[in-house]
Amino acid sequence: GAIAYFTNKEWNFETKNMRMVLDDMS
């Protein structure tokens, strides 16, 4: 019941900041 809200909807998240971190890692 707690997770049903998230299994019946979807979102589009911006990942530009996270991708910038990953690209700068050795």
PDB file of all heavy atoms in Angstrom:
ATOM      1  N   GLY A   1       0.817  -1.208   0.000  1.00  0.00           N
ATOM      2  CA  GLY A   1       0.000   0.000   0.000  1.00  0.00           C
ATOM      3  C   GLY A   1       0.846   1.252   0.000  1.00  0.00           C
ATOM      4  O   GLY A   1       0.509   2.255  -0.639  1.00  0.00           O
ATOM      5  N   ALA A   2       1.981   1.198   0.707  1.00  0.00           N
ATOM      6  CA  ALA A   2       2.866   2.363   0.786  1.00  0.00           C
ATOM      7  C   ALA A   2       3.547   2.644  -0.547  1.00  0.00           C
ATOM      8  O   ALA A   2       3.797   3.805  -0.901  1.00  0.00           O
ATOM      9  CB  ALA A   2       3.906   2.145   1.875  1.00  0.00           C
ATOM     10  N   ILE A   3       3.845   1.607  -1.296  1.00  0.00           N
ATOM     11  CA  ILE A   3       4.591   1.789  -2.545  1.00  0.00           C
ATOM     12  C   ILE A   3       3.675   1.931  -3.761  1.00  0.00           C
ATOM     13  O   ILE A   3       4.124   2.283  -4.856  1.00  0.00           O
ATOM     14  CB  ILE A   3       5.568   0.605  -2.752  1.00  0.00           C
ATOM     15  CG1 ILE A   3       6.691   1.002  -3.703  1.00  0.00           C
ATOM     16  CG2 ILE A   3       4.834  -0.623  -3.268  1.00  0.00           C
ATOM     17  CD1 ILE A   3       7.741  -0.073  -3.882  1.00  0.00           C
ATOM     18  N   ALA A   4       2.364   1.673  -3.581  1.00  0.00           N
ATOM     19  CA  ALA A   4       1.421   1.693  -4.712  1.00  0.00           C
ATOM     20  C   ALA A   4       1.386   3.052  -5.411  1.00  0.00           C
ATOM     21  O   ALA A   4       1.200   3.125  -6.633  1.00  0.00           O
ATOM     22  CB  ALA A   4       0.025   1.305  -4.233  1.00  0.00           C
ATOM     23  N   TYR A   5       1.551   4.127  -4.652  1.00  0.00           N
ATOM     24  CA  TYR A   5       1.534   5.474  -5.249  1.00  0.00           C
ATOM     25  C   TYR A   5       2.646   5.618  -6.289  1.00  0.00           C
ATOM     26  O   TYR A   5       2.453   6.249  -7.338  1.00  0.00           O
ATOM     27  CB  TYR A   5       1.708   6.524  -4.148  1.00  0.00           C
ATOM     28  CG  TYR A   5       1.753   7.943  -4.663  1.00  0.00           C
ATOM     29  CD1 TYR A   5       0.588   8.644  -4.958  1.00  0.00           C
ATOM     30  CD2 TYR A   5       2.978   8.585  -4.867  1.00  0.00           C
ATOM     31  CE1 TYR A   5       0.633   9.945  -5.441  1.00  0.00           C
ATOM     32  CE2 TYR A   5       3.036   9.885  -5.336  1.00  0.00           C
ATOM     33  CZ  TYR A   5       1.859  10.564  -5.621  1.00  0.00           C
ATOM     34  OH  TYR A   5       1.922  11.843  -6.105  1.00  0.00           O
ATOM     35  N   PHE A   6       3.793   5.013  -6.024  1.00  0.00           N
ATOM     36  CA  PHE A   6       4.949   5.154  -6.910  1.00  0.00           C
ATOM     37  C   PHE A   6       4.927   4.143  -8.049  1.00  0.00           C
ATOM     38  O   PHE A   6       5.613   4.329  -9.049  1.00  0.00           O
ATOM     39  CB  PHE A   6       6.238   5.000  -6.104  1.00  0.00           C
ATOM     40  CG  PHE A   6       6.363   5.999  -4.989  1.00  0.00           C
ATOM     41  CD1 PHE A   6       6.011   5.655  -3.693  1.00  0.00           C
ATOM     42  CD2 PHE A   6       6.798   7.283  -5.237  1.00  0.00           C
ATOM     43  CE1 PHE A   6       6.111   6.577  -2.660  1.00  0.00           C
ATOM     44  CE2 PHE A   6       6.906   8.212  -4.217  1.00  0.00           C
ATOM     45  CZ  PHE A   6       6.556   7.863  -2.920  1.00  0.00           C
ATOM     46  N   THR A   7       4.174   3.050  -7.898  1.00  0.00           N
ATOM     47  CA  THR A   7       4.113   2.038  -8.953  1.00  0.00           C
ATOM     48  C   THR A   7       3.012   2.320  -9.970  1.00  0.00           C
ATOM     49  O   THR A   7       2.884   1.591 -10.950  1.00  0.00           O
ATOM     50  CB  THR A   7       3.882   0.642  -8.356  1.00  0.00           C
ATOM     51  OG1 THR A   7       2.680   0.649  -7.570  1.00  0.00           O
ATOM     52  CG2 THR A   7       5.055   0.224  -7.485  1.00  0.00           C
ATOM     53  N   ASN A   8       2.227   3.360  -9.730  1.00  0.00           N
ATOM     54  CA  ASN A   8       1.150   3.708 -10.657  1.00  0.00           C
ATOM     55  C   ASN A   8       1.340   5.092 -11.273  1.00  0.00           C
ATOM     56  O   ASN A   8       0.453   5.607 -11.946  1.00  0.00           O
ATOM     57  CB  ASN A   8      -0.200   3.636  -9.941  1.00  0.00           C
ATOM     58  CG  ASN A   8      -0.634   2.212  -9.678  1.00  0.00           C
ATOM     59  OD1 ASN A   8      -1.240   1.571 -10.524  1.00  0.00           O
ATOM     60  ND2 ASN A   8      -0.306   1.700  -8.504  1.00  0.00           N
ATOM     61  N   LYS A   9       2.486   5.697 -11.001  1.00  0.00           N
ATOM     62  CA  LYS A   9       2.827   6.988 -11.588  1.00  0.00           C
ATOM     63  C   LYS A   9       4.278   6.940 -12.052  1.00  0.00           C
ATOM     64  O   LYS A   9       5.025   6.046 -11.678  1.00  0.00           O
ATOM     65  CB  LYS A   9       2.650   8.119 -10.565  1.00  0.00           C
ATOM     66  CG  LYS A   9       1.230   8.264 -10.018  1.00  0.00           C
ATOM     67  CD  LYS A   9       1.159   9.381  -8.984  1.00  0.00           C
ATOM     68  CE  LYS A   9      -0.231   9.465  -8.370  1.00  0.00           C
ATOM     69  NZ  LYS A   9      -1.241   9.887  -9.359  1.00  0.00           N
ATOM     70  N   GLU A  10       4.647   7.887 -12.884  1.00  0.00           N
ATOM     71  CA  GLU A  10       6.043   7.991 -13.270  1.00  0.00           C
ATOM     72  C   GLU A  10       6.443   9.455 -13.409  1.00  0.00           C
ATOM     73  O   GLU A  10       5.608  10.320 -13.684  1.00  0.00           O
ATOM     74  CB  GLU A  10       6.326   7.216 -14.559  1.00  0.00           C
ATOM     75  CG  GLU A  10       5.754   7.799 -15.812  1.00  0.00           C
ATOM     76  CD  GLU A  10       6.134   6.973 -17.043  1.00  0.00           C
ATOM     77  OE1 GLU A  10       6.494   5.792 -16.911  1.00  0.00           O
ATOM     78  OE2 GLU A  10       6.065   7.537 -18.154  1.00  0.00           O
ATOM     79  N   TRP A  11       7.721   9.702 -13.204  1.00  0.00           N
ATOM     80  CA  TRP A  11       8.266  11.050 -13.242  1.00  0.00           C
ATOM     81  C   TRP A  11       9.497  11.082 -14.143  1.00  0.00           C
ATOM     82  O   TRP A  11      10.174  10.064 -14.315  1.00  0.00           O
ATOM     83  CB  TRP A  11       8.667  11.507 -11.842  1.00  0.00           C
ATOM     84  CG  TRP A  11       7.534  11.623 -10.878  1.00  0.00           C
ATOM     85  CD1 TRP A  11       6.842  12.758 -10.553  1.00  0.00           C
ATOM     86  CD2 TRP A  11       6.963  10.576 -10.084  1.00  0.00           C
ATOM     87  NE1 TRP A  11       5.874  12.472  -9.611  1.00  0.00           N
ATOM     88  CE2 TRP A  11       5.921  11.147  -9.306  1.00  0.00           C
ATOM     89  CE3 TRP A  11       7.202   9.214  -9.954  1.00  0.00           C
ATOM     90  CZ2 TRP A  11       5.144  10.418  -8.427  1.00  0.00           C
ATOM     91  CZ3 TRP A  11       6.432   8.472  -9.077  1.00  0.00           C
ATOM     92  CH2 TRP A  11       5.415   9.071  -8.330  1.00  0.00           C
ATOM     93  N   ASN A  12       9.761  12.250 -14.692  1.00  0.00           N
ATOM     94  CA  ASN A  12      10.977  12.465 -15.477  1.00  0.00           C
ATOM     95  C   ASN A  12      11.912  13.370 -14.680  1.00  0.00           C
ATOM     96  O   ASN A  12      11.603  14.540 -14.448  1.00  0.00           O
ATOM     97  CB  ASN A  12      10.642  13.107 -16.827  1.00  0.00           C
ATOM     98  CG  ASN A  12       9.869  12.169 -17.726  1.00  0.00           C
ATOM     99  OD1 ASN A  12      10.198  10.993 -17.833  1.00  0.00           O
ATOM    100  ND2 ASN A  12       8.834  12.687 -18.374  1.00  0.00           N
ATOM    101  N   PHE A  13      13.025  12.810 -14.252  1.00  0.00           N
ATOM    102  CA  PHE A  13      13.971  13.549 -13.424  1.00  0.00           C
ATOM    103  C   PHE A  13      15.118  14.091 -14.270  1.00  0.00           C
ATOM    104  O   PHE A  13      15.583  13.420 -15.202  1.00  0.00           O
ATOM    105  CB  PHE A  13      14.535  12.650 -12.316  1.00  0.00           C
ATOM    106  CG  PHE A  13      13.510  12.202 -11.311  1.00  0.00           C
ATOM    107  CD1 PHE A  13      12.971  10.935 -11.363  1.00  0.00           C
ATOM    108  CD2 PHE A  13      13.090  13.072 -10.312  1.00  0.00           C
ATOM    109  CE1 PHE A  13      12.030  10.521 -10.441  1.00  0.00           C
ATOM    110  CE2 PHE A  13      12.155  12.675  -9.382  1.00  0.00           C
ATOM    111  CZ  PHE A  13      11.623  11.395  -9.436  1.00  0.00           C
ATOM    112  N   GLU A  14      15.594  15.250 -13.901  1.00  0.00           N
ATOM    113  CA  GLU A  14      16.757  15.851 -14.545  1.00  0.00           C
ATOM    114  C   GLU A  14      18.026  15.265 -13.919  1.00  0.00           C
ATOM    115  O   GLU A  14      18.196  15.296 -12.704  1.00  0.00           O
ATOM    116  CB  GLU A  14      16.726  17.363 -14.368  1.00  0.00           C
ATOM    117  CG  GLU A  14      17.959  18.075 -14.887  1.00  0.00           C
ATOM    118  CD  GLU A  14      18.144  17.869 -16.380  1.00  0.00           C
ATOM    119  OE1 GLU A  14      17.225  18.231 -17.134  1.00  0.00           O
ATOM    120  OE2 GLU A  14      19.210  17.344 -16.773  1.00  0.00           O
ATOM    121  N   THR A  15      18.908  14.710 -14.744  1.00  0.00           N
ATOM    122  CA  THR A  15      20.122  14.067 -14.226  1.00  0.00           C
ATOM    123  C   THR A  15      21.398  14.764 -14.692  1.00  0.00           C
ATOM    124  O   THR A  15      22.475  14.182 -14.640  1.00  0.00           O
ATOM    125  CB  THR A  15      20.154  12.585 -14.656  1.00  0.00           C
ATOM    126  OG1 THR A  15      20.128  12.505 -16.086  1.00  0.00           O
ATOM    127  CG2 THR A  15      18.976  11.826 -14.078  1.00  0.00           C
ATOM    128  N   LYS A  16      21.277  15.986 -15.162  1.00  0.00           N
ATOM    129  CA  LYS A  16      22.445  16.713 -15.682  1.00  0.00           C
ATOM    130  C   LYS A  16      23.508  16.894 -14.606  1.00  0.00           C
ATOM    131  O   LYS A  16      24.700  16.698 -14.866  1.00  0.00           O
ATOM    132  CB  LYS A  16      22.002  18.071 -16.225  1.00  0.00           C
ATOM    133  CG  LYS A  16      23.136  18.905 -16.811  1.00  0.00           C
ATOM    134  CD  LYS A  16      22.608  20.195 -17.426  1.00  0.00           C
ATOM    135  CE  LYS A  16      21.972  21.070 -16.359  1.00  0.00           C
ATOM    136  NZ  LYS A  16      21.538  22.384 -16.913  1.00  0.00           N
ATOM    137  N   ASN A  17      23.104  17.256 -13.393  1.00  0.00           N
ATOM    138  CA  ASN A  17      24.074  17.463 -12.312  1.00  0.00           C
ATOM    139  C   ASN A  17      24.800  16.176 -11.955  1.00  0.00           C
ATOM    140  O   ASN A  17      26.023  16.157 -11.754  1.00  0.00           O
ATOM    141  CB  ASN A  17      23.366  18.019 -11.078  1.00  0.00           C
ATOM    142  CG  ASN A  17      22.945  19.461 -11.249  1.00  0.00           C
ATOM    143  OD1 ASN A  17      23.357  20.117 -12.195  1.00  0.00           O
ATOM    144  ND2 ASN A  17      22.126  19.962 -10.336  1.00  0.00           N
ATOM    145  N   MET A  18      24.037  15.072 -11.866  1.00  0.00           N
ATOM    146  CA  MET A  18      24.650  13.787 -11.512  1.00  0.00           C
ATOM    147  C   MET A  18      25.580  13.307 -12.623  1.00  0.00           C
ATOM    148  O   MET A  18      26.658  12.766 -12.347  1.00  0.00           O
ATOM    149  CB  MET A  18      23.547  12.755 -11.255  1.00  0.00           C
ATOM    150  CG  MET A  18      24.014  11.502 -10.554  1.00  0.00           C
ATOM    151  SD  MET A  18      24.540  11.809  -8.860  1.00  0.00           S
ATOM    152  CE  MET A  18      26.111  10.985  -8.837  1.00  0.00           C
ATOM    153  N   ARG A  19      25.208  13.534 -13.866  1.00  0.00           N
ATOM    154  CA  ARG A  19      26.052  13.117 -14.984  1.00  0.00           C
ATOM    155  C   ARG A  19      27.352  13.908 -14.994  1.00  0.00           C
ATOM    156  O   ARG A  19      28.416  13.369 -15.326  1.00  0.00           O
ATOM    157  CB  ARG A  19      25.276  13.314 -16.290  1.00  0.00           C
ATOM    158  CG  ARG A  19      26.028  12.967 -17.567  1.00  0.00           C
ATOM    159  CD  ARG A  19      26.676  11.613 -17.543  1.00  0.00           C
ATOM    160  NE  ARG A  19      25.757  10.538 -17.196  1.00  0.00           N
ATOM    161  CZ  ARG A  19      26.153   9.283 -16.985  1.00  0.00           C
ATOM    162  NH1 ARG A  19      27.437   8.959 -17.058  1.00  0.00           N
ATOM    163  NH2 ARG A  19      25.263   8.370 -16.661  1.00  0.00           N
ATOM    164  N   MET A  20      27.297  15.162 -14.604  1.00  0.00           N
ATOM    165  CA  MET A  20      28.502  15.994 -14.527  1.00  0.00           C
ATOM    166  C   MET A  20      29.480  15.426 -13.499  1.00  0.00           C
ATOM    167  O   MET A  20      30.698  15.385 -13.731  1.00  0.00           O
ATOM    168  CB  MET A  20      28.120  17.424 -14.160  1.00  0.00           C
ATOM    169  CG  MET A  20      29.295  18.386 -14.036  1.00  0.00           C
ATOM    170  SD  MET A  20      28.742  20.090 -13.771  1.00  0.00           S
ATOM    171  CE  MET A  20      27.781  19.887 -12.243  1.00  0.00           C
ATOM    172  N   VAL A  21      28.946  14.959 -12.362  1.00  0.00           N
ATOM    173  CA  VAL A  21      29.786  14.352 -11.332  1.00  0.00           C
ATOM    174  C   VAL A  21      30.437  13.075 -11.864  1.00  0.00           C
ATOM    175  O   VAL A  21      31.639  12.850 -11.694  1.00  0.00           O
ATOM    176  CB  VAL A  21      28.957  14.049 -10.072  1.00  0.00           C
ATOM    177  CG1 VAL A  21      29.797  13.277  -9.047  1.00  0.00           C
ATOM    178  CG2 VAL A  21      28.412  15.326  -9.459  1.00  0.00           C
ATOM    179  N   LEU A  22      29.651  12.239 -12.504  1.00  0.00           N
ATOM    180  CA  LEU A  22      30.154  10.957 -13.006  1.00  0.00           C
ATOM    181  C   LEU A  22      31.231  11.167 -14.069  1.00  0.00           C
ATOM    182  O   LEU A  22      32.230  10.436 -14.109  1.00  0.00           O
ATOM    183  CB  LEU A  22      28.993  10.131 -13.581  1.00  0.00           C
ATOM    184  CG  LEU A  22      27.909   9.714 -12.592  1.00  0.00           C
ATOM    185  CD1 LEU A  22      26.757   9.030 -13.324  1.00  0.00           C
ATOM    186  CD2 LEU A  22      28.465   8.796 -11.518  1.00  0.00           C
ATOM    187  N   ASP A  23      31.047  12.148 -14.928  1.00  0.00           N
ATOM    188  CA  ASP A  23      32.031  12.407 -15.993  1.00  0.00           C
ATOM    189  C   ASP A  23      33.346  12.947 -15.444  1.00  0.00           C
ATOM    190  O   ASP A  23      34.414  12.748 -16.049  1.00  0.00           O
ATOM    191  CB  ASP A  23      31.446  13.402 -17.001  1.00  0.00           C
ATOM    192  CG  ASP A  23      30.308  12.810 -17.813  1.00  0.00           C
ATOM    193  OD1 ASP A  23      30.208  11.566 -17.860  1.00  0.00           O
ATOM    194  OD2 ASP A  23      29.513  13.578 -18.383  1.00  0.00           O
ATOM    195  N   ASP A  24      33.294  13.617 -14.296  1.00  0.00           N
ATOM    196  CA  ASP A  24      34.510  14.182 -13.702  1.00  0.00           C
ATOM    197  C   ASP A  24      35.271  13.176 -12.834  1.00  0.00           C
ATOM    198  O   ASP A  24      36.403  13.459 -12.408  1.00  0.00           O
ATOM    199  CB  ASP A  24      34.154  15.412 -12.859  1.00  0.00           C
ATOM    200  CG  ASP A  24      33.830  16.623 -13.715  1.00  0.00           C
ATOM    201  OD1 ASP A  24      34.171  16.603 -14.913  1.00  0.00           O
ATOM    202  OD2 ASP A  24      33.213  17.582 -13.196  1.00  0.00           O
ATOM    203  N   MET A  25      34.685  12.037 -12.557  1.00  0.00           N
ATOM    204  CA  MET A  25      35.361  11.021 -11.735  1.00  0.00           C
ATOM    205  C   MET A  25      36.427  10.303 -12.552  1.00  0.00           C
ATOM    206  O   MET A  25      36.246  10.052 -13.747  1.00  0.00           O
ATOM    207  CB  MET A  25      34.339  10.004 -11.189  1.00  0.00           C
ATOM    208  CG  MET A  25      33.349  10.587 -10.199  1.00  0.00           C
ATOM    209  SD  MET A  25      32.037   9.399  -9.727  1.00  0.00           S
ATOM    210  CE  MET A  25      33.011   8.139  -8.853  1.00  0.00           C
ATOM    211  N   SER A  26      37.508   9.963 -11.898  1.00  0.00           N
ATOM    212  CA  SER A  26      38.562   9.195 -12.582  1.00  0.00           C
ATOM    213  C   SER A  26      38.110   7.749 -12.764  1.00  0.00           C
ATOM    214  O   SER A  26      37.140   7.304 -12.153  1.00  0.00           O
ATOM    215  CB  SER A  26      39.849   9.240 -11.759  1.00  0.00           C
ATOM    216  OG  SER A  26      39.683   8.542 -10.527  1.00  0.00           O
TER     217      SER A  26
END
